[in-house]
Every structure is written in structure tokens, then in C-alpha cells.
N, C-alpha and C. Protein backbone atom coordinates (compact mmCIF):
# COMPACT_ATOMS: atom_id res chain seq x y z
N MET A 1 36.46 -146.10 147.44
CA MET A 1 37.18 -146.57 146.29
C MET A 1 38.12 -147.67 146.72
N GLU A 2 38.21 -148.71 145.91
CA GLU A 2 39.05 -149.85 146.20
C GLU A 2 40.49 -149.43 146.00
N SER A 3 41.35 -149.97 146.84
CA SER A 3 42.76 -149.63 146.69
C SER A 3 43.36 -150.07 145.37
N GLY A 4 42.82 -151.06 144.71
CA GLY A 4 43.30 -151.51 143.44
C GLY A 4 43.10 -150.50 142.31
N ASN A 5 42.15 -149.56 142.50
CA ASN A 5 41.85 -148.59 141.50
C ASN A 5 42.68 -147.30 141.67
N GLN A 6 43.32 -147.15 142.81
CA GLN A 6 44.07 -145.96 143.08
C GLN A 6 45.50 -146.13 142.57
N LYS A 7 45.98 -145.10 141.94
CA LYS A 7 47.37 -145.10 141.47
C LYS A 7 48.28 -144.66 142.62
N PRO A 8 49.42 -145.29 142.75
CA PRO A 8 50.34 -144.81 143.81
C PRO A 8 50.82 -143.42 143.49
N PRO A 9 51.18 -142.68 144.52
CA PRO A 9 51.64 -141.32 144.29
C PRO A 9 52.92 -141.33 143.48
N VAL A 10 53.14 -140.26 142.75
CA VAL A 10 54.35 -140.16 141.94
C VAL A 10 55.58 -140.12 142.86
N LYS A 11 56.55 -140.89 142.44
CA LYS A 11 57.82 -140.88 143.21
C LYS A 11 58.82 -140.11 142.35
N ILE A 12 59.56 -139.27 143.00
CA ILE A 12 60.60 -138.51 142.30
C ILE A 12 61.89 -139.31 142.51
N TYR A 13 62.51 -139.64 141.39
CA TYR A 13 63.76 -140.45 141.42
C TYR A 13 64.95 -139.54 141.21
N SER A 14 66.10 -140.04 141.56
CA SER A 14 67.32 -139.25 141.37
C SER A 14 68.19 -139.77 140.20
N SER A 15 67.79 -140.92 139.65
CA SER A 15 68.52 -141.46 138.50
C SER A 15 67.64 -142.42 137.72
N LEU A 16 68.03 -142.69 136.50
CA LEU A 16 67.31 -143.62 135.65
C LEU A 16 67.39 -145.03 136.23
N GLU A 17 68.52 -145.35 136.81
CA GLU A 17 68.71 -146.71 137.35
C GLU A 17 67.80 -147.04 138.51
N GLU A 18 67.26 -146.02 139.20
CA GLU A 18 66.34 -146.27 140.31
C GLU A 18 64.96 -146.68 139.89
N ILE A 19 64.59 -146.41 138.65
CA ILE A 19 63.24 -146.69 138.14
C ILE A 19 63.16 -148.11 137.71
N PRO A 20 62.27 -148.93 138.27
CA PRO A 20 62.17 -150.31 137.86
C PRO A 20 61.94 -150.47 136.38
N GLY A 21 62.82 -151.28 135.73
CA GLY A 21 62.71 -151.58 134.33
C GLY A 21 63.28 -150.54 133.40
N ALA A 22 63.67 -149.40 133.89
CA ALA A 22 64.11 -148.30 133.00
C ALA A 22 65.41 -148.58 132.23
N THR A 23 66.22 -149.46 132.71
CA THR A 23 67.45 -149.77 131.98
C THR A 23 67.35 -151.05 131.14
N THR A 24 66.23 -151.74 131.24
CA THR A 24 66.06 -152.98 130.45
C THR A 24 64.88 -152.93 129.50
N GLU A 25 64.15 -151.84 129.54
CA GLU A 25 62.97 -151.71 128.67
C GLU A 25 63.14 -150.50 127.74
N SER A 26 62.10 -150.17 126.99
CA SER A 26 62.09 -148.99 126.15
C SER A 26 61.61 -147.82 127.01
N VAL A 27 62.32 -146.71 126.92
CA VAL A 27 62.01 -145.55 127.76
C VAL A 27 62.05 -144.28 126.89
N ALA A 28 61.03 -143.47 127.07
CA ALA A 28 61.00 -142.15 126.46
C ALA A 28 61.31 -141.11 127.54
N LEU A 29 62.45 -140.44 127.43
CA LEU A 29 62.78 -139.39 128.37
C LEU A 29 62.32 -138.04 127.78
N ILE A 30 61.57 -137.32 128.59
CA ILE A 30 61.14 -135.99 128.18
C ILE A 30 61.76 -134.97 129.18
N PHE A 31 62.75 -134.23 128.72
CA PHE A 31 63.41 -133.22 129.54
C PHE A 31 62.51 -132.02 129.56
N PHE A 32 62.24 -131.50 130.76
CA PHE A 32 61.34 -130.38 130.90
C PHE A 32 61.70 -129.47 132.04
N SER A 33 61.10 -128.29 131.99
CA SER A 33 61.25 -127.31 133.09
C SER A 33 59.84 -126.87 133.50
N LEU A 34 59.63 -126.66 134.75
CA LEU A 34 58.32 -126.26 135.23
C LEU A 34 57.93 -124.86 134.80
N VAL A 35 58.89 -124.05 134.43
CA VAL A 35 58.55 -122.68 133.96
C VAL A 35 58.23 -122.66 132.45
N CYS A 36 58.32 -123.80 131.80
CA CYS A 36 58.12 -123.91 130.36
C CYS A 36 56.77 -124.59 130.07
N HIS A 37 55.78 -123.82 129.67
CA HIS A 37 54.46 -124.42 129.43
C HIS A 37 54.45 -125.29 128.15
N VAL A 38 55.35 -125.03 127.22
CA VAL A 38 55.46 -125.93 126.06
C VAL A 38 55.94 -127.31 126.55
N CYS A 39 56.79 -127.30 127.55
CA CYS A 39 57.25 -128.57 128.13
C CYS A 39 56.10 -129.36 128.74
N TRP A 40 55.24 -128.66 129.42
CA TRP A 40 54.08 -129.34 130.02
C TRP A 40 53.25 -129.97 128.92
N GLU A 41 52.96 -129.21 127.82
CA GLU A 41 52.23 -129.77 126.71
C GLU A 41 52.90 -131.02 126.19
N GLU A 42 54.22 -130.97 126.09
CA GLU A 42 54.97 -132.13 125.55
C GLU A 42 54.81 -133.32 126.46
N LEU A 43 54.93 -133.13 127.77
CA LEU A 43 54.77 -134.24 128.72
C LEU A 43 53.39 -134.89 128.54
N PHE A 44 52.36 -134.08 128.54
CA PHE A 44 51.00 -134.62 128.46
C PHE A 44 50.68 -135.18 127.10
N GLU A 45 51.17 -134.55 126.06
CA GLU A 45 50.94 -135.06 124.71
C GLU A 45 51.60 -136.44 124.52
N MET A 46 52.87 -136.57 124.95
CA MET A 46 53.56 -137.86 124.78
C MET A 46 52.94 -138.93 125.67
N LYS A 47 52.50 -138.57 126.85
CA LYS A 47 51.87 -139.52 127.77
C LYS A 47 50.58 -140.02 127.10
N GLU A 48 49.78 -139.10 126.57
CA GLU A 48 48.55 -139.49 125.91
C GLU A 48 48.82 -140.36 124.68
N PHE A 49 49.85 -140.04 123.93
CA PHE A 49 50.23 -140.82 122.75
C PHE A 49 50.61 -142.27 123.13
N VAL A 50 51.45 -142.41 124.15
CA VAL A 50 51.91 -143.72 124.61
C VAL A 50 50.67 -144.53 125.11
N GLU A 51 49.79 -143.88 125.83
CA GLU A 51 48.61 -144.57 126.36
C GLU A 51 47.62 -144.95 125.26
N LYS A 52 47.41 -144.00 124.33
CA LYS A 52 46.43 -144.23 123.25
C LYS A 52 46.76 -145.44 122.42
N PHE A 53 48.03 -145.62 122.12
CA PHE A 53 48.44 -146.76 121.32
C PHE A 53 48.98 -147.92 122.14
N SER A 54 48.83 -147.87 123.46
CA SER A 54 49.31 -148.91 124.35
C SER A 54 50.75 -149.31 124.03
N LEU A 55 51.59 -148.32 123.87
CA LEU A 55 52.99 -148.57 123.48
C LEU A 55 53.77 -149.15 124.67
N PRO A 56 54.60 -150.12 124.38
CA PRO A 56 55.39 -150.72 125.45
C PRO A 56 56.62 -149.88 125.78
N VAL A 57 56.34 -148.64 126.22
CA VAL A 57 57.38 -147.67 126.50
C VAL A 57 57.06 -146.99 127.84
N LEU A 58 58.11 -146.85 128.63
CA LEU A 58 57.98 -146.14 129.89
C LEU A 58 58.28 -144.68 129.67
N LEU A 59 57.35 -143.81 129.92
CA LEU A 59 57.56 -142.38 129.81
C LEU A 59 58.10 -141.81 131.10
N VAL A 60 59.22 -141.11 131.02
CA VAL A 60 59.89 -140.57 132.19
C VAL A 60 60.19 -139.08 131.96
N GLY A 61 59.72 -138.25 132.88
CA GLY A 61 60.05 -136.84 132.86
C GLY A 61 61.41 -136.62 133.52
N VAL A 62 62.21 -135.71 132.99
CA VAL A 62 63.52 -135.40 133.57
C VAL A 62 63.58 -133.88 133.75
N SER A 63 63.86 -133.46 134.96
CA SER A 63 63.89 -132.03 135.23
C SER A 63 64.94 -131.70 136.31
N ALA A 64 65.45 -130.46 136.27
CA ALA A 64 66.37 -130.00 137.29
C ALA A 64 65.63 -129.13 138.32
N ASP A 65 64.30 -129.05 138.19
CA ASP A 65 63.52 -128.31 139.21
C ASP A 65 63.52 -129.06 140.55
N LYS A 66 63.24 -128.35 141.60
CA LYS A 66 63.31 -128.93 142.94
C LYS A 66 62.26 -130.07 143.12
N PRO A 67 62.65 -131.10 143.87
CA PRO A 67 61.75 -132.26 144.06
C PRO A 67 60.38 -131.93 144.59
N ASP A 68 60.30 -131.00 145.55
CA ASP A 68 58.99 -130.67 146.10
C ASP A 68 58.10 -129.96 145.07
N GLU A 69 58.72 -129.17 144.19
CA GLU A 69 57.98 -128.53 143.11
C GLU A 69 57.53 -129.54 142.08
N LEU A 70 58.37 -130.53 141.79
CA LEU A 70 57.99 -131.59 140.85
C LEU A 70 56.83 -132.43 141.40
N LYS A 71 56.89 -132.75 142.69
CA LYS A 71 55.80 -133.53 143.30
C LYS A 71 54.50 -132.72 143.25
N SER A 72 54.60 -131.42 143.54
CA SER A 72 53.41 -130.58 143.51
C SER A 72 52.81 -130.52 142.08
N PHE A 73 53.66 -130.36 141.11
CA PHE A 73 53.24 -130.36 139.69
C PHE A 73 52.56 -131.66 139.33
N ALA A 74 53.19 -132.77 139.65
CA ALA A 74 52.63 -134.09 139.31
C ALA A 74 51.32 -134.32 140.02
N SER A 75 51.20 -133.92 141.22
CA SER A 75 49.95 -134.06 141.99
C SER A 75 48.85 -133.18 141.43
N ARG A 76 49.20 -131.94 141.18
CA ARG A 76 48.22 -130.97 140.68
C ARG A 76 47.64 -131.37 139.33
N TYR A 77 48.48 -131.91 138.46
CA TYR A 77 48.01 -132.25 137.09
C TYR A 77 47.85 -133.77 136.87
N SER A 78 47.86 -134.55 137.96
CA SER A 78 47.65 -136.00 137.88
C SER A 78 48.63 -136.65 136.92
N PHE A 79 49.85 -136.20 136.95
CA PHE A 79 50.92 -136.79 136.07
C PHE A 79 51.52 -137.92 136.84
N ASP A 80 51.22 -139.16 136.46
CA ASP A 80 51.64 -140.32 137.21
C ASP A 80 52.80 -141.08 136.66
N SER A 81 53.45 -140.56 135.67
CA SER A 81 54.68 -141.20 135.17
C SER A 81 55.86 -140.82 136.06
N PRO A 82 56.89 -141.67 136.08
CA PRO A 82 58.05 -141.34 136.91
C PRO A 82 58.71 -140.03 136.49
N ILE A 83 59.26 -139.34 137.44
CA ILE A 83 60.01 -138.11 137.16
C ILE A 83 61.37 -138.25 137.82
N ILE A 84 62.40 -137.86 137.09
CA ILE A 84 63.73 -137.85 137.63
C ILE A 84 64.14 -136.41 137.95
N TYR A 85 64.53 -136.18 139.19
CA TYR A 85 65.13 -134.89 139.59
C TYR A 85 66.62 -135.00 139.30
N ASP A 86 67.02 -134.37 138.20
CA ASP A 86 68.39 -134.44 137.75
C ASP A 86 69.21 -133.30 138.39
N ALA A 87 69.43 -133.42 139.69
CA ALA A 87 70.04 -132.38 140.51
C ALA A 87 71.31 -131.82 139.94
N ASN A 88 72.19 -132.67 139.46
CA ASN A 88 73.48 -132.22 138.92
C ASN A 88 73.51 -132.20 137.43
N LYS A 89 72.33 -132.33 136.81
CA LYS A 89 72.18 -132.32 135.36
C LYS A 89 73.03 -133.36 134.66
N LEU A 90 73.21 -134.50 135.28
CA LEU A 90 74.00 -135.59 134.69
C LEU A 90 73.34 -136.09 133.41
N LEU A 91 72.00 -136.28 133.43
CA LEU A 91 71.32 -136.72 132.23
C LEU A 91 71.30 -135.61 131.17
N PHE A 92 71.14 -134.38 131.60
CA PHE A 92 71.16 -133.25 130.67
C PHE A 92 72.51 -133.25 129.92
N ARG A 93 73.59 -133.48 130.64
CA ARG A 93 74.92 -133.49 130.00
C ARG A 93 75.12 -134.74 129.18
N ARG A 94 74.66 -135.87 129.66
CA ARG A 94 74.84 -137.15 128.91
C ARG A 94 74.20 -137.05 127.53
N PHE A 95 73.05 -136.38 127.47
CA PHE A 95 72.31 -136.33 126.18
C PHE A 95 72.42 -134.97 125.52
N LYS A 96 73.32 -134.12 126.06
CA LYS A 96 73.61 -132.79 125.47
C LYS A 96 72.35 -131.94 125.30
N VAL A 97 71.53 -131.93 126.33
CA VAL A 97 70.28 -131.15 126.33
C VAL A 97 70.65 -129.68 126.54
N LYS A 98 70.21 -128.87 125.57
CA LYS A 98 70.45 -127.45 125.65
C LYS A 98 69.17 -126.67 125.93
N ILE A 99 68.06 -127.16 125.42
CA ILE A 99 66.78 -126.51 125.65
C ILE A 99 65.71 -127.59 125.93
N GLU A 100 64.72 -127.19 126.69
CA GLU A 100 63.59 -128.08 126.93
C GLU A 100 62.37 -127.53 126.20
N PRO A 101 61.45 -128.36 125.77
CA PRO A 101 61.47 -129.81 125.94
C PRO A 101 62.45 -130.47 124.98
N TYR A 102 62.94 -131.59 125.40
CA TYR A 102 63.89 -132.37 124.62
C TYR A 102 63.55 -133.83 124.81
N ARG A 103 63.56 -134.62 123.75
CA ARG A 103 63.17 -136.02 123.82
C ARG A 103 64.34 -136.94 123.52
N VAL A 104 64.44 -137.98 124.29
CA VAL A 104 65.41 -139.06 124.03
C VAL A 104 64.66 -140.39 124.25
N ILE A 105 64.88 -141.31 123.30
CA ILE A 105 64.25 -142.62 123.44
C ILE A 105 65.36 -143.67 123.55
N LEU A 106 65.25 -144.47 124.59
CA LEU A 106 66.24 -145.55 124.86
C LEU A 106 65.59 -146.91 124.74
N VAL A 107 66.31 -147.85 124.20
CA VAL A 107 65.90 -149.24 124.20
C VAL A 107 67.00 -150.02 124.89
N LYS A 108 66.69 -150.62 125.99
CA LYS A 108 67.67 -151.36 126.81
C LYS A 108 68.87 -150.46 127.09
N ASN A 109 68.61 -149.22 127.47
CA ASN A 109 69.60 -148.21 127.87
C ASN A 109 70.50 -147.74 126.69
N GLN A 110 70.12 -148.05 125.46
CA GLN A 110 70.85 -147.56 124.29
C GLN A 110 69.99 -146.51 123.58
N THR A 111 70.59 -145.39 123.23
CA THR A 111 69.87 -144.30 122.58
C THR A 111 69.50 -144.72 121.15
N VAL A 112 68.18 -144.68 120.86
CA VAL A 112 67.70 -144.97 119.48
C VAL A 112 67.12 -143.69 118.87
N TYR A 113 66.90 -142.66 119.67
CA TYR A 113 66.41 -141.38 119.17
C TYR A 113 66.82 -140.28 120.13
N ALA A 114 67.23 -139.17 119.58
CA ALA A 114 67.46 -137.95 120.35
C ALA A 114 67.08 -136.77 119.43
N ASP A 115 66.41 -135.77 119.99
CA ASP A 115 66.01 -134.61 119.22
C ASP A 115 67.21 -134.02 118.46
N ASP A 116 66.94 -133.55 117.27
CA ASP A 116 67.93 -132.87 116.44
C ASP A 116 67.59 -131.38 116.48
N TYR A 117 68.45 -130.57 117.07
CA TYR A 117 68.17 -129.15 117.25
C TYR A 117 68.03 -128.39 115.90
N SER A 118 68.52 -128.99 114.82
CA SER A 118 68.41 -128.26 113.54
C SER A 118 66.99 -128.36 112.96
N LEU A 119 66.16 -129.20 113.57
CA LEU A 119 64.78 -129.33 113.10
C LEU A 119 63.81 -128.53 113.98
N ASP A 120 62.69 -128.14 113.41
CA ASP A 120 61.71 -127.42 114.23
C ASP A 120 61.03 -128.33 115.22
N TYR A 121 60.40 -127.70 116.20
CA TYR A 121 59.75 -128.43 117.30
C TYR A 121 58.80 -129.50 116.87
N LEU A 122 57.88 -129.18 115.98
CA LEU A 122 56.87 -130.16 115.55
C LEU A 122 57.48 -131.35 114.77
N THR A 123 58.48 -131.07 113.97
CA THR A 123 59.17 -132.16 113.26
C THR A 123 59.85 -133.06 114.25
N ARG A 124 60.50 -132.48 115.27
CA ARG A 124 61.14 -133.34 116.29
C ARG A 124 60.12 -134.18 117.03
N ARG A 125 58.94 -133.59 117.34
CA ARG A 125 57.88 -134.35 118.04
C ARG A 125 57.40 -135.49 117.14
N ASP A 126 57.17 -135.21 115.86
CA ASP A 126 56.70 -136.25 114.95
C ASP A 126 57.71 -137.38 114.81
N ARG A 127 58.97 -137.04 114.71
CA ARG A 127 60.02 -138.06 114.59
C ARG A 127 60.09 -138.93 115.85
N ALA A 128 59.93 -138.32 117.00
CA ALA A 128 59.91 -139.09 118.26
C ALA A 128 58.75 -140.06 118.29
N LYS A 129 57.56 -139.57 117.86
CA LYS A 129 56.40 -140.46 117.82
C LYS A 129 56.56 -141.60 116.84
N GLN A 130 57.17 -141.31 115.68
CA GLN A 130 57.43 -142.36 114.67
C GLN A 130 58.37 -143.43 115.28
N CYS A 131 59.37 -142.99 115.99
CA CYS A 131 60.30 -143.92 116.63
C CYS A 131 59.58 -144.76 117.65
N LEU A 132 58.70 -144.20 118.43
CA LEU A 132 57.93 -144.97 119.45
C LEU A 132 57.06 -146.01 118.73
N LEU A 133 56.44 -145.65 117.64
CA LEU A 133 55.61 -146.61 116.90
C LEU A 133 56.44 -147.73 116.31
N GLN A 134 57.66 -147.44 115.84
CA GLN A 134 58.56 -148.46 115.34
C GLN A 134 58.96 -149.42 116.43
N ILE A 135 59.23 -148.92 117.59
CA ILE A 135 59.59 -149.76 118.74
C ILE A 135 58.45 -150.72 119.03
N ALA A 136 57.24 -150.22 119.00
CA ALA A 136 56.05 -151.05 119.31
C ALA A 136 55.84 -152.12 118.26
N SER A 137 56.25 -151.88 117.01
CA SER A 137 55.98 -152.86 115.94
C SER A 137 57.05 -153.95 115.89
N ARG A 138 58.08 -153.88 116.70
CA ARG A 138 59.11 -154.92 116.69
C ARG A 138 58.65 -156.18 117.33
């Protein structure tokens, strides 16, 4: 296989600022836990959605799980989007994340969408997708 066809291994980052373009582009943060299978579904569903519509959005997983476990997860399931190991839960606190999965969409590091806990899971997912489509249409 040619090296141009291989994707580089997933790198686990420690902050949003470390990810190239993450503070200057549109970013969808998906907060997740490895013990939450609904979270896994959310990661893969949003990744598929972004790819299906070729949205100009960087999908980033955010978790407080250990880096080696995150790498193992990404490798096992071929999840090639960046993942942030939020060791001190700085991003969790910044966006007031109480449960996972939780979605936040940033445009040039400004929050344009954050899940509303008063809404059910599917409504929150649909609203996040609508926001992503609006970003793409700008």
C-alpha cells in the first residue's frame, strides 16, 4: 500500500489549542466516555454525517479517559479524528458538561451551539446537525 493512502495514527492531544486549525476553523466537540456505548454511537454518527456532506468542520472527541485507552479505542474502531484527553476536565468545566455524550460546536473558537439538557437526546443531536449544515452553507 502506498504511504499516501495510509492515514496517520490518531494522536491524543491535551488541549484544543494543540490541534492544527482547531481555534481558527469550525469544530464539533463530542464529549464522550469509553464506558458509554451511546457516546460511541454519537462519535461515529457525527463523523459519518460530517463526511457524508463534506462539511468544513473538524470533528474532535473529548474524554477524560486515560490516553492509552483512548488510543486503543481509536485504533480498534478506526476512529481517525483527533481526540483530546481532558485530564483535568478543563473543557468539561468550560462548557458545563454534566453528562456524555455532549456536543459543542465552535466557529473560530466561539461557541455557536451547545447541547441543551432540557431537550431529549435525539432533539439535541438533530439541532447539532442543523447547526453543522448552517455552518457549511455560509
